Amino acid sequence: MEGGQVLTLYRVKLSTNVERVALAMAHKGLRAESLYVPFEERAEIRRVSGQDLVPVLVDDGKVVIDSMEIVRYLEEHFPNTPHLYPAEPARKADCLVFIDWFNRVWKRPPNEITAELEKPEAERDLKRVERLGKAMQDYLDLFEQMLDGRDYLLGEFSAADVAAFPFLKYATIRDPNDPHLFHDVLVRFQKPGRDHPRLVDWIKRVDARPRV
């Protein structure tokens, strides 16, 4: 490993955000000591990083939080490994804009649906759930169009695929032992049909890639 750094990755099983980093590290040929913490017990995460969310990367004492910030950190600090961001400035900007859109816009409906369904049944706004779910389904058309003539979202495998795949994969993939409501929302409101062959193939293609 470059520079002799010792990487430690704090993770929770079945975490979408951890899978982002797992895909990125494998693509770059990096290894890390994986420390799994229980989903309901985040004291160790809090001790290390000052917050409760995974993943957390520790690189020779430096703590990095937030999945896509970790991906950018790996790109910048391990430059002699396969890249996840295009070298051309305009294409790199496209990648960064997509990731920002995905995090700020695309993720809002499933997050809000999950919050709605966590309420007592009598308090749930099911019309709002239906409206947000339709937005999730409609986005499948957008991803299908992005993949026209491409194997990956921006052409070559990139941080854009890393950002989106762990969430979009639930359109076709579900672990029957997965207990998380958020993941159930991703399954329930993403139903690819005959109009989404490229998206289905992309999910298979990325799912076949290694993870740390």
Protein backbone atom coordinates (compact mmCIF):
# COMPACT_ATOMS: atom_id res chain seq x y z
CA MET A 1 0.00 0.00 0.00
CA GLU A 2 1.23 3.50 -0.86
CA GLY A 3 3.35 5.18 1.76
CA GLY A 4 2.82 2.35 4.23
CA GLN A 5 -0.50 3.80 5.41
CA VAL A 6 -2.66 1.59 7.57
CA LEU A 7 -6.35 1.95 6.63
CA THR A 8 -9.13 1.00 9.01
CA LEU A 9 -12.77 0.99 7.89
CA TYR A 10 -15.54 1.09 10.47
CA ARG A 11 -18.68 -0.41 8.99
CA VAL A 12 -22.15 -1.78 9.64
CA LYS A 13 -23.47 -4.82 7.78
CA LEU A 14 -25.82 -4.09 4.86
CA SER A 15 -25.04 -0.35 4.92
CA THR A 16 -25.54 1.33 1.55
CA ASN A 17 -23.00 4.02 2.36
CA VAL A 18 -20.40 1.48 3.47
CA GLU A 19 -20.89 -0.37 0.18
CA ARG A 20 -19.95 2.81 -1.67
CA VAL A 21 -16.55 2.80 0.00
CA ALA A 22 -16.17 -0.97 -0.34
CA LEU A 23 -16.64 -0.69 -4.12
CA ALA A 24 -14.28 2.27 -4.38
CA MET A 25 -11.49 0.66 -2.39
CA ALA A 26 -11.67 -2.58 -4.36
CA HIS A 27 -11.54 -0.67 -7.65
CA LYS A 28 -8.42 1.12 -6.47
CA GLY A 29 -6.84 -2.09 -5.20
CA LEU A 30 -6.73 -0.83 -1.62
CA ARG A 31 -7.15 -2.96 1.46
CA ALA A 32 -8.30 -2.07 4.93
CA GLU A 33 -8.88 -3.63 8.28
CA SER A 34 -12.67 -3.82 8.55
CA LEU A 35 -14.15 -3.24 11.99
CA TYR A 36 -17.85 -4.12 12.12
CA VAL A 37 -20.03 -2.45 14.72
CA PRO A 38 -23.61 -3.44 15.65
CA PHE A 39 -26.32 -1.42 13.91
CA GLU A 40 -27.85 -0.31 17.21
CA GLU A 41 -24.60 0.34 19.08
CA ARG A 42 -22.53 3.26 17.80
CA ALA A 43 -20.45 4.11 20.88
CA GLU A 44 -17.20 3.05 19.20
CA ILE A 45 -18.04 5.06 16.06
CA ARG A 46 -18.78 8.07 18.24
CA ARG A 47 -15.54 7.64 20.15
CA VAL A 48 -13.46 7.50 16.98
CA SER A 49 -15.21 10.11 14.86
CA GLY A 50 -17.41 12.26 17.11
CA GLN A 51 -20.58 11.26 15.27
CA ASP A 52 -22.75 8.15 14.77
CA LEU A 53 -22.69 7.47 11.03
CA VAL A 54 -20.79 4.88 9.03
CA PRO A 55 -18.55 4.48 7.17
CA VAL A 56 -15.60 5.95 9.02
CA LEU A 57 -12.11 5.64 7.55
CA VAL A 58 -9.00 5.99 9.68
CA ASP A 59 -5.79 6.50 7.70
CA ASP A 60 -2.71 6.42 9.92
CA GLY A 61 -4.56 8.38 12.60
CA LYS A 62 -6.51 10.72 10.29
CA VAL A 63 -10.29 10.26 10.55
CA VAL A 64 -12.47 10.73 7.45
CA ILE A 65 -16.29 10.58 7.58
CA ASP A 66 -19.09 10.61 4.96
CA SER A 67 -19.00 7.96 2.24
CA MET A 68 -18.33 10.15 -0.78
CA GLU A 69 -15.85 12.31 1.11
CA ILE A 70 -13.99 9.09 1.87
CA VAL A 71 -14.07 8.21 -1.84
CA ARG A 72 -12.62 11.61 -2.72
CA TYR A 73 -10.00 11.24 0.00
CA LEU A 74 -8.91 7.89 -1.43
CA GLU A 75 -8.71 9.40 -4.91
CA GLU A 76 -6.54 12.27 -3.74
CA HIS A 77 -4.27 10.33 -1.38
CA PHE A 78 -3.72 7.26 -3.53
CA PRO A 79 -3.10 8.82 -6.97
CA ASN A 80 -1.16 5.85 -8.33
CA THR A 81 -4.19 3.57 -8.21
CA PRO A 82 -7.06 3.26 -10.74
CA HIS A 83 -9.05 6.47 -10.81
CA LEU A 84 -12.69 7.03 -9.88
CA TYR A 85 -13.01 10.58 -11.22
CA PRO A 86 -12.39 11.56 -14.85
CA ALA A 87 -9.13 13.39 -15.49
CA GLU A 88 -10.71 15.91 -17.90
CA PRO A 89 -12.02 18.87 -15.84
CA ALA A 90 -15.40 19.09 -17.60
CA ARG A 91 -16.09 15.38 -17.19
CA LYS A 92 -14.93 15.45 -13.58
CA ALA A 93 -17.36 18.32 -12.99
CA ASP A 94 -20.15 16.21 -14.53
CA CYS A 95 -19.30 13.44 -12.08
CA LEU A 96 -19.31 15.78 -9.08
CA VAL A 97 -22.61 17.36 -10.16
CA PHE A 98 -24.22 13.94 -10.53
CA ILE A 99 -23.07 12.85 -7.06
CA ASP A 100 -24.34 16.07 -5.51
CA TRP A 101 -27.69 15.65 -7.28
CA PHE A 102 -27.95 12.04 -6.17
CA ASN A 103 -27.25 12.87 -2.54
CA ARG A 104 -29.34 16.03 -2.32
CA VAL A 105 -32.23 15.26 -4.67
CA TRP A 106 -32.56 11.55 -5.45
CA LYS A 107 -32.11 10.38 -1.84
CA ARG A 108 -34.77 12.73 -0.49
CA PRO A 109 -37.86 10.66 -1.49
CA PRO A 110 -36.70 7.35 0.05
CA ASN A 111 -35.52 9.12 3.19
CA GLU A 112 -38.84 10.95 3.56
CA ILE A 113 -40.88 7.81 2.83
CA THR A 114 -38.94 5.95 5.51
CA ALA A 115 -39.56 8.72 8.02
CA GLU A 116 -43.28 8.69 7.16
CA LEU A 117 -43.58 4.92 7.57
CA GLU A 118 -41.81 5.05 10.93
CA LYS A 119 -44.70 7.11 12.32
CA PRO A 120 -47.64 5.42 14.08
CA GLU A 121 -49.95 4.01 11.43
CA ALA A 122 -52.74 6.51 12.13
CA GLU A 123 -50.36 9.43 11.56
CA ARG A 124 -48.92 8.33 8.22
CA ASP A 125 -49.62 10.44 5.15
CA LEU A 126 -50.00 7.66 2.60
CA LYS A 127 -50.77 10.05 -0.26
CA ARG A 128 -47.41 11.69 0.38
CA VAL A 129 -45.77 8.27 0.41
CA GLU A 130 -47.42 7.46 -2.92
CA ARG A 131 -46.29 10.76 -4.43
CA LEU A 132 -42.70 10.31 -3.28
CA GLY A 133 -42.71 6.70 -4.42
CA LYS A 134 -43.79 7.76 -7.90
CA ALA A 135 -40.82 10.14 -8.03
CA MET A 136 -38.50 7.22 -7.23
CA GLN A 137 -40.06 5.09 -9.94
CA ASP A 138 -39.86 7.92 -12.47
CA TYR A 139 -36.14 8.34 -11.81
CA LEU A 140 -35.58 4.84 -13.22
CA ASP A 141 -36.34 6.29 -16.66
CA LEU A 142 -33.63 8.90 -16.17
CA PHE A 143 -31.01 6.28 -15.30
CA GLU A 144 -32.09 4.17 -18.26
CA GLN A 145 -31.50 7.16 -20.54
CA MET A 146 -28.10 7.88 -18.96
CA LEU A 147 -27.01 4.33 -19.82
CA ASP A 148 -27.88 4.63 -23.51
CA GLY A 149 -24.69 3.53 -25.27
CA ARG A 150 -22.78 3.27 -21.99
CA ASP A 151 -21.73 0.44 -19.72
CA TYR A 152 -21.63 2.79 -16.73
CA LEU A 153 -23.43 6.00 -15.80
CA LEU A 154 -20.76 8.32 -17.19
CA GLY A 155 -19.18 5.88 -19.64
CA GLU A 156 -16.29 4.40 -17.66
CA PHE A 157 -16.76 3.06 -14.14
CA SER A 158 -16.53 6.04 -11.81
CA ALA A 159 -17.51 7.56 -8.49
CA ALA A 160 -20.95 8.17 -10.02
CA ASP A 161 -21.59 4.42 -10.13
CA VAL A 162 -20.12 4.04 -6.64
CA ALA A 163 -22.55 6.69 -5.34
CA ALA A 164 -25.69 5.33 -6.98
CA PHE A 165 -25.38 1.54 -7.14
CA PRO A 166 -25.85 0.63 -3.46
CA PHE A 167 -29.28 2.30 -3.61
CA LEU A 168 -30.42 1.47 -7.14
CA LYS A 169 -29.46 -2.20 -6.81
CA TYR A 170 -32.59 -2.73 -4.70
CA ALA A 171 -34.59 -2.47 -7.91
CA THR A 172 -33.55 -6.08 -8.58
CA ILE A 173 -31.56 -7.34 -5.56
CA ARG A 174 -32.75 -7.95 -2.01
CA ASP A 175 -31.26 -9.95 0.83
CA PRO A 176 -34.19 -11.83 2.43
CA ASN A 177 -32.53 -11.41 5.82
CA ASP A 178 -32.24 -7.63 5.48
CA PRO A 179 -34.33 -6.09 8.31
CA HIS A 180 -34.00 -2.42 7.38
CA LEU A 181 -37.12 -0.39 6.51
CA PHE A 182 -35.11 1.98 4.31
CA HIS A 183 -34.01 -0.91 2.12
CA ASP A 184 -37.60 -2.18 1.96
CA VAL A 185 -38.59 1.26 0.65
CA LEU A 186 -35.89 1.00 -2.04
CA VAL A 187 -37.32 -2.36 -3.10
CA ARG A 188 -40.97 -1.34 -2.96
CA PHE A 189 -40.72 1.86 -4.99
CA GLN A 190 -38.20 0.82 -7.66
CA LYS A 191 -39.77 -1.60 -10.12
CA PRO A 192 -37.87 -1.79 -13.40
CA GLY A 193 -39.90 -3.03 -16.33
CA ARG A 194 -39.37 -3.86 -19.97
CA ASP A 195 -38.42 -0.23 -20.54
CA HIS A 196 -35.35 -0.50 -18.28
CA PRO A 197 -33.10 -3.21 -19.79
CA ARG A 198 -29.95 -1.09 -19.63
CA LEU A 199 -30.53 -0.28 -15.97
CA VAL A 200 -31.02 -3.95 -15.11
CA ASP A 201 -27.83 -4.86 -16.97
CA TRP A 202 -25.93 -2.06 -15.22
CA ILE A 203 -27.03 -3.37 -11.82
CA LYS A 204 -25.74 -6.83 -12.76
CA ARG A 205 -22.50 -5.35 -14.10
CA VAL A 206 -21.71 -3.32 -11.00
CA ASP A 207 -22.86 -6.05 -8.65
CA ALA A 208 -20.26 -8.37 -10.21
CA ARG A 209 -17.46 -5.99 -9.23
CA PRO A 210 -15.36 -6.77 -6.13
CA ARG A 211 -15.70 -5.08 -2.76
CA VAL A 212 -13.32 -4.96 0.19
